[in-house]
Amino acid sequence: MERDVQDGREHFDMSRWQEFDRDEHVELLTKIAAEAHSGEMPPKQYVLIHRSAKLTPEEGDLVYAWAKAERKRLRQLASAIGNRGVGDRRGTDAR
């Protein structure tokens, strides 16, 4: 199981989320939404070994909706900050 976690982190390490900028967050959320929506999350080879990891259609829909909503929130935040001209790419006040 440790190897599976390590392999997963090579593709996407959620523990490093705070290190990413807003554009990277949006890109990752887009990928998460697409994979959840297509049924590719988690990967089939992972589910073969870890059967309980398979998402139900409802769980996939929840992940998809969350990723879309979070992506929308980040874009709105970026727009609001861009209109004010204050803060860095992460939305923090640079003063």
PDB file of N, CA and C in Angstrom:
ATOM      1  N   MET A   1       0.836  -1.195   0.000  1.00  0.00           N
ATOM      2  CA  MET A   1       0.000   0.000   0.000  1.00  0.00           C
ATOM      3  C   MET A   1       0.877   1.254   0.000  1.00  0.00           C
ATOM      4  N   GLU A   2       1.992   1.230   0.696  1.00  0.00           N
ATOM      5  CA  GLU A   2       2.886   2.386   0.727  1.00  0.00           C
ATOM      6  C   GLU A   2       3.350   2.752  -0.677  1.00  0.00           C
ATOM      7  N   ARG A   3       3.623   1.737  -1.480  1.00  0.00           N
ATOM      8  CA  ARG A   3       4.051   1.986  -2.864  1.00  0.00           C
ATOM      9  C   ARG A   3       2.934   2.675  -3.661  1.00  0.00           C
ATOM     10  N   ASP A   4       1.692   2.244  -3.437  1.00  0.00           N
ATOM     11  CA  ASP A   4       0.560   2.870  -4.119  1.00  0.00           C
ATOM     12  C   ASP A   4       0.454   4.343  -3.758  1.00  0.00           C
ATOM     13  N   VAL A   5       0.646   4.654  -2.484  1.00  0.00           N
ATOM     14  CA  VAL A   5       0.594   6.043  -2.042  1.00  0.00           C
ATOM     15  C   VAL A   5       1.725   6.839  -2.696  1.00  0.00           C
ATOM     16  N   GLN A   6       2.915   6.264  -2.710  1.00  0.00           N
ATOM     17  CA  GLN A   6       4.067   6.935  -3.325  1.00  0.00           C
ATOM     18  C   GLN A   6       3.832   7.165  -4.820  1.00  0.00           C
ATOM     19  N   ASP A   7       3.306   6.153  -5.507  1.00  0.00           N
ATOM     20  CA  ASP A   7       3.007   6.304  -6.937  1.00  0.00           C
ATOM     21  C   ASP A   7       1.971   7.397  -7.164  1.00  0.00           C
ATOM     22  N   GLY A   8       0.950   7.424  -6.310  1.00  0.00           N
ATOM     23  CA  GLY A   8      -0.082   8.450  -6.440  1.00  0.00           C
ATOM     24  C   GLY A   8       0.465   9.848  -6.232  1.00  0.00           C
ATOM     25  N   ARG A   9       1.349   9.983  -5.259  1.00  0.00           N
ATOM     26  CA  ARG A   9       1.930  11.293  -4.970  1.00  0.00           C
ATOM     27  C   ARG A   9       2.844  11.782  -6.087  1.00  0.00           C
ATOM     28  N   GLU A  10       3.394  10.858  -6.864  1.00  0.00           N
ATOM     29  CA  GLU A  10       4.204  11.271  -8.005  1.00  0.00           C
ATOM     30  C   GLU A  10       3.334  11.968  -9.048  1.00  0.00           C
ATOM     31  N   HIS A  11       2.049  11.603  -9.106  1.00  0.00           N
ATOM     32  CA  HIS A  11       1.124  12.227 -10.049  1.00  0.00           C
ATOM     33  C   HIS A  11       0.464  13.467  -9.464  1.00  0.00           C
ATOM     34  N   PHE A  12       0.144  13.387  -8.177  1.00  0.00           N
ATOM     35  CA  PHE A  12      -0.521  14.521  -7.531  1.00  0.00           C
ATOM     36  C   PHE A  12      -0.421  14.361  -6.029  1.00  0.00           C
ATOM     37  N   ASP A  13       0.296  15.258  -5.402  1.00  0.00           N
ATOM     38  CA  ASP A  13       0.515  15.192  -3.960  1.00  0.00           C
ATOM     39  C   ASP A  13      -0.310  16.290  -3.288  1.00  0.00           C
ATOM     40  N   MET A  14      -1.459  15.903  -2.761  1.00  0.00           N
ATOM     41  CA  MET A  14      -2.373  16.863  -2.136  1.00  0.00           C
ATOM     42  C   MET A  14      -1.738  17.544  -0.924  1.00  0.00           C
ATOM     43  N   SER A  15      -0.751  16.894  -0.298  1.00  0.00           N
ATOM     44  CA  SER A  15      -0.114  17.512   0.859  1.00  0.00           C
ATOM     45  C   SER A  15       0.710  18.736   0.463  1.00  0.00           C
ATOM     46  N   ARG A  16       0.969  18.917  -0.827  1.00  0.00           N
ATOM     47  CA  ARG A  16       1.717  20.080  -1.309  1.00  0.00           C
ATOM     48  C   ARG A  16       0.799  21.171  -1.877  1.00  0.00           C
ATOM     49  N   TRP A  17      -0.492  21.056  -1.671  1.00  0.00           N
ATOM     50  CA  TRP A  17      -1.485  21.970  -2.255  1.00  0.00           C
ATOM     51  C   TRP A  17      -1.126  23.441  -2.016  1.00  0.00           C
ATOM     52  N   GLN A  18      -0.692  23.786  -0.806  1.00  0.00           N
ATOM     53  CA  GLN A  18      -0.387  25.179  -0.467  1.00  0.00           C
ATOM     54  C   GLN A  18       0.821  25.724  -1.230  1.00  0.00           C
ATOM     55  N   GLU A  19       1.634  24.849  -1.784  1.00  0.00           N
ATOM     56  CA  GLU A  19       2.801  25.281  -2.539  1.00  0.00           C
ATOM     57  C   GLU A  19       2.430  25.723  -3.961  1.00  0.00           C
ATOM     58  N   PHE A  20       1.254  25.346  -4.415  1.00  0.00           N
ATOM     59  CA  PHE A  20       0.836  25.662  -5.775  1.00  0.00           C
ATOM     60  C   PHE A  20       0.203  27.048  -5.840  1.00  0.00           C
ATOM     61  N   ASP A  21       0.361  27.714  -6.969  1.00  0.00           N
ATOM     62  CA  ASP A  21      -0.300  29.003  -7.141  1.00  0.00           C
ATOM     63  C   ASP A  21      -1.726  28.785  -7.657  1.00  0.00           C
ATOM     64  N   ARG A  22      -2.458  29.859  -7.792  1.00  0.00           N
ATOM     65  CA  ARG A  22      -3.862  29.763  -8.176  1.00  0.00           C
ATOM     66  C   ARG A  22      -4.039  29.089  -9.539  1.00  0.00           C
ATOM     67  N   ASP A  23      -3.190  29.410 -10.512  1.00  0.00           N
ATOM     68  CA  ASP A  23      -3.308  28.788 -11.831  1.00  0.00           C
ATOM     69  C   ASP A  23      -3.115  27.276 -11.751  1.00  0.00           C
ATOM     70  N   GLU A  24      -2.155  26.848 -10.925  1.00  0.00           N
ATOM     71  CA  GLU A  24      -1.932  25.408 -10.744  1.00  0.00           C
ATOM     72  C   GLU A  24      -3.123  24.762 -10.036  1.00  0.00           C
ATOM     73  N   HIS A  25      -3.714  25.470  -9.078  1.00  0.00           N
ATOM     74  CA  HIS A  25      -4.913  24.954  -8.413  1.00  0.00           C
ATOM     75  C   HIS A  25      -6.029  24.736  -9.429  1.00  0.00           C
ATOM     76  N   VAL A  26      -6.259  25.728 -10.277  1.00  0.00           N
ATOM     77  CA  VAL A  26      -7.320  25.625 -11.280  1.00  0.00           C
ATOM     78  C   VAL A  26      -7.043  24.459 -12.225  1.00  0.00           C
ATOM     79  N   GLU A  27      -5.799  24.317 -12.661  1.00  0.00           N
ATOM     80  CA  GLU A  27      -5.440  23.223 -13.564  1.00  0.00           C
ATOM     81  C   GLU A  27      -5.674  21.863 -12.892  1.00  0.00           C
ATOM     82  N   LEU A  28      -5.248  21.715 -11.652  1.00  0.00           N
ATOM     83  CA  LEU A  28      -5.438  20.456 -10.947  1.00  0.00           C
ATOM     84  C   LEU A  28      -6.915  20.172 -10.687  1.00  0.00           C
ATOM     85  N   LEU A  29      -7.670  21.187 -10.341  1.00  0.00           N
ATOM     86  CA  LEU A  29      -9.108  21.008 -10.131  1.00  0.00           C
ATOM     87  C   LEU A  29      -9.803  20.589 -11.422  1.00  0.00           C
ATOM     88  N   THR A  30      -9.342  21.110 -12.552  1.00  0.00           N
ATOM     89  CA  THR A  30      -9.895  20.714 -13.852  1.00  0.00           C
ATOM     90  C   THR A  30      -9.638  19.232 -14.095  1.00  0.00           C
ATOM     91  N   LYS A  31      -8.421  18.786 -13.807  1.00  0.00           N
ATOM     92  CA  LYS A  31      -8.082  17.369 -13.976  1.00  0.00           C
ATOM     93  C   LYS A  31      -8.882  16.487 -13.023  1.00  0.00           C
ATOM     94  N   ILE A  32      -9.016  16.924 -11.777  1.00  0.00           N
ATOM     95  CA  ILE A  32      -9.790  16.162 -10.797  1.00  0.00           C
ATOM     96  C   ILE A  32     -11.231  16.023 -11.269  1.00  0.00           C
ATOM     97  N   ALA A  33     -11.835  17.128 -11.705  1.00  0.00           N
ATOM     98  CA  ALA A  33     -13.219  17.096 -12.172  1.00  0.00           C
ATOM     99  C   ALA A  33     -13.372  16.159 -13.369  1.00  0.00           C
ATOM    100  N   ALA A  34     -12.451  16.250 -14.315  1.00  0.00           N
ATOM    101  CA  ALA A  34     -12.535  15.419 -15.522  1.00  0.00           C
ATOM    102  C   ALA A  34     -12.420  13.933 -15.174  1.00  0.00           C
ATOM    103  N   GLU A  35     -11.480  13.597 -14.292  1.00  0.00           N
ATOM    104  CA  GLU A  35     -11.297  12.189 -13.935  1.00  0.00           C
ATOM    105  C   GLU A  35     -12.458  11.658 -13.110  1.00  0.00           C
ATOM    106  N   ALA A  36     -12.994  12.469 -12.225  1.00  0.00           N
ATOM    107  CA  ALA A  36     -14.147  12.038 -11.436  1.00  0.00           C
ATOM    108  C   ALA A  36     -15.362  11.852 -12.336  1.00  0.00           C
ATOM    109  N   HIS A  37     -15.544  12.772 -13.276  1.00  0.00           N
ATOM    110  CA  HIS A  37     -16.698  12.730 -14.177  1.00  0.00           C
ATOM    111  C   HIS A  37     -16.624  11.547 -15.142  1.00  0.00           C
ATOM    112  N   SER A  38     -15.412  11.216 -15.575  1.00  0.00           N
ATOM    113  CA  SER A  38     -15.236  10.135 -16.546  1.00  0.00           C
ATOM    114  C   SER A  38     -15.201   8.754 -15.901  1.00  0.00           C
ATOM    115  N   GLY A  39     -15.108   8.705 -14.583  1.00  0.00           N
ATOM    116  CA  GLY A  39     -15.010   7.428 -13.893  1.00  0.00           C
ATOM    117  C   GLY A  39     -13.591   6.903 -13.797  1.00  0.00           C
ATOM    118  N   GLU A  40     -12.610   7.713 -14.164  1.00  0.00           N
ATOM    119  CA  GLU A  40     -11.207   7.298 -14.136  1.00  0.00           C
ATOM    120  C   GLU A  40     -10.566   7.487 -12.765  1.00  0.00           C
ATOM    121  N   MET A  41     -11.329   7.973 -11.793  1.00  0.00           N
ATOM    122  CA  MET A  41     -10.805   8.200 -10.454  1.00  0.00           C
ATOM    123  C   MET A  41     -11.491   7.232  -9.501  1.00  0.00           C
ATOM    124  N   PRO A  42     -10.770   6.474  -8.763  1.00  0.00           N
ATOM    125  CA  PRO A  42      -9.330   6.219  -8.861  1.00  0.00           C
ATOM    126  C   PRO A  42      -9.024   5.322 -10.059  1.00  0.00           C
ATOM    127  N   PRO A  43      -7.763   5.236 -10.453  1.00  0.00           N
ATOM    128  CA  PRO A  43      -7.396   4.408 -11.615  1.00  0.00           C
ATOM    129  C   PRO A  43      -7.822   2.947 -11.429  1.00  0.00           C
ATOM    130  N   LYS A  44      -8.189   2.311 -12.539  1.00  0.00           N
ATOM    131  CA  LYS A  44      -8.677   0.933 -12.495  1.00  0.00           C
ATOM    132  C   LYS A  44      -7.678  -0.026 -11.848  1.00  0.00           C
ATOM    133  N   GLN A  45      -6.379   0.139 -12.155  1.00  0.00           N
ATOM    134  CA  GLN A  45      -5.384  -0.771 -11.576  1.00  0.00           C
ATOM    135  C   GLN A  45      -5.323  -0.629 -10.049  1.00  0.00           C
ATOM    136  N   TYR A  46      -5.602   0.565  -9.540  1.00  0.00           N
ATOM    137  CA  TYR A  46      -5.623   0.778  -8.093  1.00  0.00           C
ATOM    138  C   TYR A  46      -6.834   0.076  -7.480  1.00  0.00           C
ATOM    139  N   VAL A  47      -7.987   0.192  -8.142  1.00  0.00           N
ATOM    140  CA  VAL A  47      -9.221  -0.406  -7.635  1.00  0.00           C
ATOM    141  C   VAL A  47      -9.141  -1.932  -7.653  1.00  0.00           C
ATOM    142  N   LEU A  48      -8.388  -2.506  -8.594  1.00  0.00           N
ATOM    143  CA  LEU A  48      -8.228  -3.958  -8.617  1.00  0.00           C
ATOM    144  C   LEU A  48      -7.629  -4.479  -7.314  1.00  0.00           C
ATOM    145  N   ILE A  49      -6.721  -3.727  -6.742  1.00  0.00           N
ATOM    146  CA  ILE A  49      -6.058  -4.136  -5.504  1.00  0.00           C
ATOM    147  C   ILE A  49      -6.825  -3.632  -4.283  1.00  0.00           C
ATOM    148  N   HIS A  50      -7.400  -2.438  -4.393  1.00  0.00           N
ATOM    149  CA  HIS A  50      -8.096  -1.791  -3.270  1.00  0.00           C
ATOM    150  C   HIS A  50      -9.566  -1.592  -3.648  1.00  0.00           C
ATOM    151  N   ARG A  51     -10.325  -2.670  -3.606  1.00  0.00           N
ATOM    152  CA  ARG A  51     -11.719  -2.628  -4.073  1.00  0.00           C
ATOM    153  C   ARG A  51     -12.568  -1.576  -3.364  1.00  0.00           C
ATOM    154  N   SER A  52     -12.292  -1.329  -2.106  1.00  0.00           N
ATOM    155  CA  SER A  52     -13.107  -0.361  -1.358  1.00  0.00           C
ATOM    156  C   SER A  52     -12.840   1.081  -1.801  1.00  0.00           C
ATOM    157  N   ALA A  53     -11.817   1.284  -2.620  1.00  0.00           N
ATOM    158  CA  ALA A  53     -11.480   2.633  -3.075  1.00  0.00           C
ATOM    159  C   ALA A  53     -12.367   3.091  -4.235  1.00  0.00           C
ATOM    160  N   LYS A  54     -13.095   2.188  -4.842  1.00  0.00           N
ATOM    161  CA  LYS A  54     -13.934   2.543  -5.991  1.00  0.00           C
ATOM    162  C   LYS A  54     -15.000   3.546  -5.569  1.00  0.00           C
ATOM    163  N   LEU A  55     -15.110   4.619  -6.341  1.00  0.00           N
ATOM    164  CA  LEU A  55     -16.130   5.626  -6.059  1.00  0.00           C
ATOM    165  C   LEU A  55     -17.466   5.178  -6.624  1.00  0.00           C
ATOM    166  N   THR A  56     -18.515   5.409  -5.873  1.00  0.00           N
ATOM    167  CA  THR A  56     -19.855   5.193  -6.407  1.00  0.00           C
ATOM    168  C   THR A  56     -20.140   6.336  -7.381  1.00  0.00           C
ATOM    169  N   PRO A  57     -21.118   6.180  -8.259  1.00  0.00           N
ATOM    170  CA  PRO A  57     -21.469   7.304  -9.138  1.00  0.00           C
ATOM    171  C   PRO A  57     -21.788   8.575  -8.353  1.00  0.00           C
ATOM    172  N   GLU A  58     -22.437   8.424  -7.211  1.00  0.00           N
ATOM    173  CA  GLU A  58     -22.781   9.586  -6.388  1.00  0.00           C
ATOM    174  C   GLU A  58     -21.524  10.249  -5.832  1.00  0.00           C
ATOM    175  N   GLU A  59     -20.560   9.444  -5.388  1.00  0.00           N
ATOM    176  CA  GLU A  59     -19.299   9.999  -4.884  1.00  0.00           C
ATOM    177  C   GLU A  59     -18.529  10.706  -5.994  1.00  0.00           C
ATOM    178  N   GLY A  60     -18.525  10.111  -7.173  1.00  0.00           N
ATOM    179  CA  GLY A  60     -17.880  10.752  -8.321  1.00  0.00           C
ATOM    180  C   GLY A  60     -18.530  12.088  -8.644  1.00  0.00           C
ATOM    181  N   ASP A  61     -19.860  12.125  -8.566  1.00  0.00           N
ATOM    182  CA  ASP A  61     -20.588  13.376  -8.808  1.00  0.00           C
ATOM    183  C   ASP A  61     -20.246  14.430  -7.758  1.00  0.00           C
ATOM    184  N   LEU A  62     -20.081  14.005  -6.505  1.00  0.00           N
ATOM    185  CA  LEU A  62     -19.724  14.949  -5.433  1.00  0.00           C
ATOM    186  C   LEU A  62     -18.322  15.525  -5.649  1.00  0.00           C
ATOM    187  N   VAL A  63     -17.376  14.665  -6.018  1.00  0.00           N
ATOM    188  CA  VAL A  63     -16.015  15.136  -6.285  1.00  0.00           C
ATOM    189  C   VAL A  63     -16.029  16.099  -7.464  1.00  0.00           C
ATOM    190  N   TYR A  64     -16.764  15.746  -8.505  1.00  0.00           N
ATOM    191  CA  TYR A  64     -16.877  16.589  -9.697  1.00  0.00           C
ATOM    192  C   TYR A  64     -17.469  17.958  -9.338  1.00  0.00           C
ATOM    193  N   ALA A  65     -18.563  17.956  -8.603  1.00  0.00           N
ATOM    194  CA  ALA A  65     -19.219  19.213  -8.224  1.00  0.00           C
ATOM    195  C   ALA A  65     -18.306  20.060  -7.340  1.00  0.00           C
ATOM    196  N   TRP A  66     -17.616  19.422  -6.390  1.00  0.00           N
ATOM    197  CA  TRP A  66     -16.694  20.161  -5.524  1.00  0.00           C
ATOM    198  C   TRP A  66     -15.590  20.809  -6.349  1.00  0.00           C
ATOM    199  N   ALA A  67     -14.976  20.045  -7.244  1.00  0.00           N
ATOM    200  CA  ALA A  67     -13.863  20.569  -8.042  1.00  0.00           C
ATOM    201  C   ALA A  67     -14.333  21.736  -8.908  1.00  0.00           C
ATOM    202  N   LYS A  68     -15.495  21.605  -9.526  1.00  0.00           N
ATOM    203  CA  LYS A  68     -16.034  22.698 -10.343  1.00  0.00           C
ATOM    204  C   LYS A  68     -16.309  23.942  -9.501  1.00  0.00           C
ATOM    205  N   ALA A  69     -16.924  23.752  -8.335  1.00  0.00           N
ATOM    206  CA  ALA A  69     -17.255  24.888  -7.475  1.00  0.00           C
ATOM    207  C   ALA A  69     -15.996  25.573  -6.954  1.00  0.00           C
ATOM    208  N   GLU A  70     -14.995  24.796  -6.575  1.00  0.00           N
ATOM    209  CA  GLU A  70     -13.751  25.366  -6.067  1.00  0.00           C
ATOM    210  C   GLU A  70     -13.010  26.105  -7.179  1.00  0.00           C
ATOM    211  N   ARG A  71     -13.017  25.544  -8.369  1.00  0.00           N
ATOM    212  CA  ARG A  71     -12.381  26.207  -9.514  1.00  0.00           C
ATOM    213  C   ARG A  71     -13.076  27.538  -9.803  1.00  0.00           C
ATOM    214  N   LYS A  72     -14.392  27.544  -9.754  1.00  0.00           N
ATOM    215  CA  LYS A  72     -15.158  28.775  -9.980  1.00  0.00           C
ATOM    216  C   LYS A  72     -14.835  29.813  -8.907  1.00  0.00           C
ATOM    217  N   ARG A  73     -14.759  29.361  -7.647  1.00  0.00           N
ATOM    218  CA  ARG A  73     -14.446  30.272  -6.544  1.00  0.00           C
ATOM    219  C   ARG A  73     -13.071  30.906  -6.737  1.00  0.00           C
ATOM    220  N   LEU A  74     -12.086  30.107  -7.120  1.00  0.00           N
ATOM    221  CA  LEU A  74     -10.735  30.630  -7.333  1.00  0.00           C
ATOM    222  C   LEU A  74     -10.694  31.624  -8.491  1.00  0.00           C
ATOM    223  N   ARG A  75     -11.428  31.338  -9.545  1.00  0.00           N
ATOM    224  CA  ARG A  75     -11.458  32.266 -10.684  1.00  0.00           C
ATOM    225  C   ARG A  75     -12.132  33.579 -10.309  1.00  0.00           C
ATOM    226  N   GLN A  76     -13.204  33.500  -9.528  1.00  0.00           N
ATOM    227  CA  GLN A  76     -13.881  34.722  -9.086  1.00  0.00           C
ATOM    228  C   GLN A  76     -12.972  35.534  -8.167  1.00  0.00           C
ATOM    229  N   LEU A  77     -12.260  34.865  -7.304  1.00  0.00           N
ATOM    230  CA  LEU A  77     -11.313  35.533  -6.416  1.00  0.00           C
ATOM    231  C   LEU A  77     -10.222  36.221  -7.233  1.00  0.00           C
ATOM    232  N   ALA A  78      -9.711  35.526  -8.230  1.00  0.00           N
ATOM    233  CA  ALA A  78      -8.668  36.104  -9.080  1.00  0.00           C
ATOM    234  C   ALA A  78      -9.197  37.327  -9.813  1.00  0.00           C
ATOM    235  N   SER A  79     -10.427  37.257 -10.271  1.00  0.00           N
ATOM    236  CA  SER A  79     -11.036  38.381 -10.970  1.00  0.00           C
ATOM    237  C   SER A  79     -11.208  39.571 -10.035  1.00  0.00           C
ATOM    238  N   ALA A  80     -11.680  39.315  -8.825  1.00  0.00           N
ATOM    239  CA  ALA A  80     -11.876  40.394  -7.853  1.00  0.00           C
ATOM    240  C   ALA A  80     -10.551  41.037  -7.480  1.00  0.00           C
ATOM    241  N   ILE A  81      -9.535  40.232  -7.283  1.00  0.00           N
ATOM    242  CA  ILE A  81      -8.216  40.759  -6.931  1.00  0.00           C
ATOM    243  C   ILE A  81      -7.623  41.511  -8.110  1.00  0.00           C
ATOM    244  N   GLY A  82      -7.803  40.966  -9.301  1.00  0.00           N
ATOM    245  CA  GLY A  82      -7.300  41.632 -10.502  1.00  0.00           C
ATOM    246  C   GLY A  82      -7.947  42.990 -10.718  1.00  0.00           C
ATOM    247  N   ASN A  83      -9.223  43.078 -10.388  1.00  0.00           N
ATOM    248  CA  ASN A  83      -9.935  44.347 -10.540  1.00  0.00           C
ATOM    249  C   ASN A  83      -9.463  45.378  -9.522  1.00  0.00           C
ATOM    250  N   ARG A  84      -9.018  44.922  -8.350  1.00  0.00           N
ATOM    251  CA  ARG A  84      -8.509  45.829  -7.323  1.00  0.00           C
ATOM    252  C   ARG A  84      -7.052  46.167  -7.556  1.00  0.00           C
ATOM    253  N   GLY A  85      -6.330  45.214  -8.192  1.00  0.00           N
ATOM    254  CA  GLY A  85      -4.909  45.427  -8.428  1.00  0.00           C
ATOM    255  C   GLY A  85      -4.064  45.236  -7.191  1.00  0.00           C
ATOM    256  N   VAL A  86      -4.564  44.485  -6.201  1.00  0.00           N
ATOM    257  CA  VAL A  86      -3.842  44.270  -4.955  1.00  0.00           C
ATOM    258  C   VAL A  86      -3.687  42.775  -4.734  1.00  0.00           C
ATOM    259  N   GLY A  87      -2.511  42.375  -4.203  1.00  0.00           N
ATOM    260  CA  GLY A  87      -2.303  40.991  -3.823  1.00  0.00           C
ATOM    261  C   GLY A  87      -1.524  40.198  -4.840  1.00  0.00           C
ATOM    262  N   ASP A  88      -1.034  39.026  -4.408  1.00  0.00           N
ATOM    263  CA  ASP A  88      -0.291  38.173  -5.317  1.00  0.00           C
ATOM    264  C   ASP A  88      -1.213  37.157  -5.965  1.00  0.00           C
ATOM    265  N   ARG A  89      -0.659  36.200  -6.654  1.00  0.00           N
ATOM    266  CA  ARG A  89      -1.448  35.209  -7.387  1.00  0.00           C
ATOM    267  C   ARG A  89      -2.250  34.299  -6.477  1.00  0.00           C
ATOM    268  N   ARG A  90      -1.892  34.220  -5.202  1.00  0.00           N
ATOM    269  CA  ARG A  90      -2.619  33.356  -4.290  1.00  0.00           C
ATOM    270  C   ARG A  90      -3.767  34.089  -3.628  1.00  0.00           C
ATOM    271  N   GLY A  91      -3.909  35.349  -3.897  1.00  0.00           N
ATOM    272  CA  GLY A  91      -5.023  36.097  -3.345  1.00  0.00           C
ATOM    273  C   GLY A  91      -4.747  36.712  -1.993  1.00  0.00           C
ATOM    274  N   THR A  92      -3.497  36.706  -1.556  1.00  0.00           N
ATOM    275  CA  THR A  92      -3.195  37.328  -0.282  1.00  0.00           C
ATOM    276  C   THR A  92      -2.852  38.784  -0.505  1.00  0.00           C
ATOM    277  N   ASP A  93      -3.133  39.578   0.465  1.00  0.00           N
ATOM    278  CA  ASP A  93      -2.852  41.000   0.383  1.00  0.00           C
ATOM    279  C   ASP A  93      -1.342  41.227   0.456  1.00  0.00           C
ATOM    280  N   ALA A  94      -0.776  41.916  -0.497  1.00  0.00           N
ATOM    281  CA  ALA A  94       0.677  42.107  -0.582  1.00  0.00           C
ATOM    282  C   ALA A  94       1.162  43.335   0.189  1.00  0.00           C
ATOM    283  N   ARG A  95       0.278  44.048   0.860  1.00  0.00           N
ATOM    284  CA  ARG A  95       0.688  45.240   1.594  1.00  0.00           C
ATOM    285  C   ARG A  95       1.462  44.929   2.812  1.00  0.00           C
TER     286      ARG A  95
END
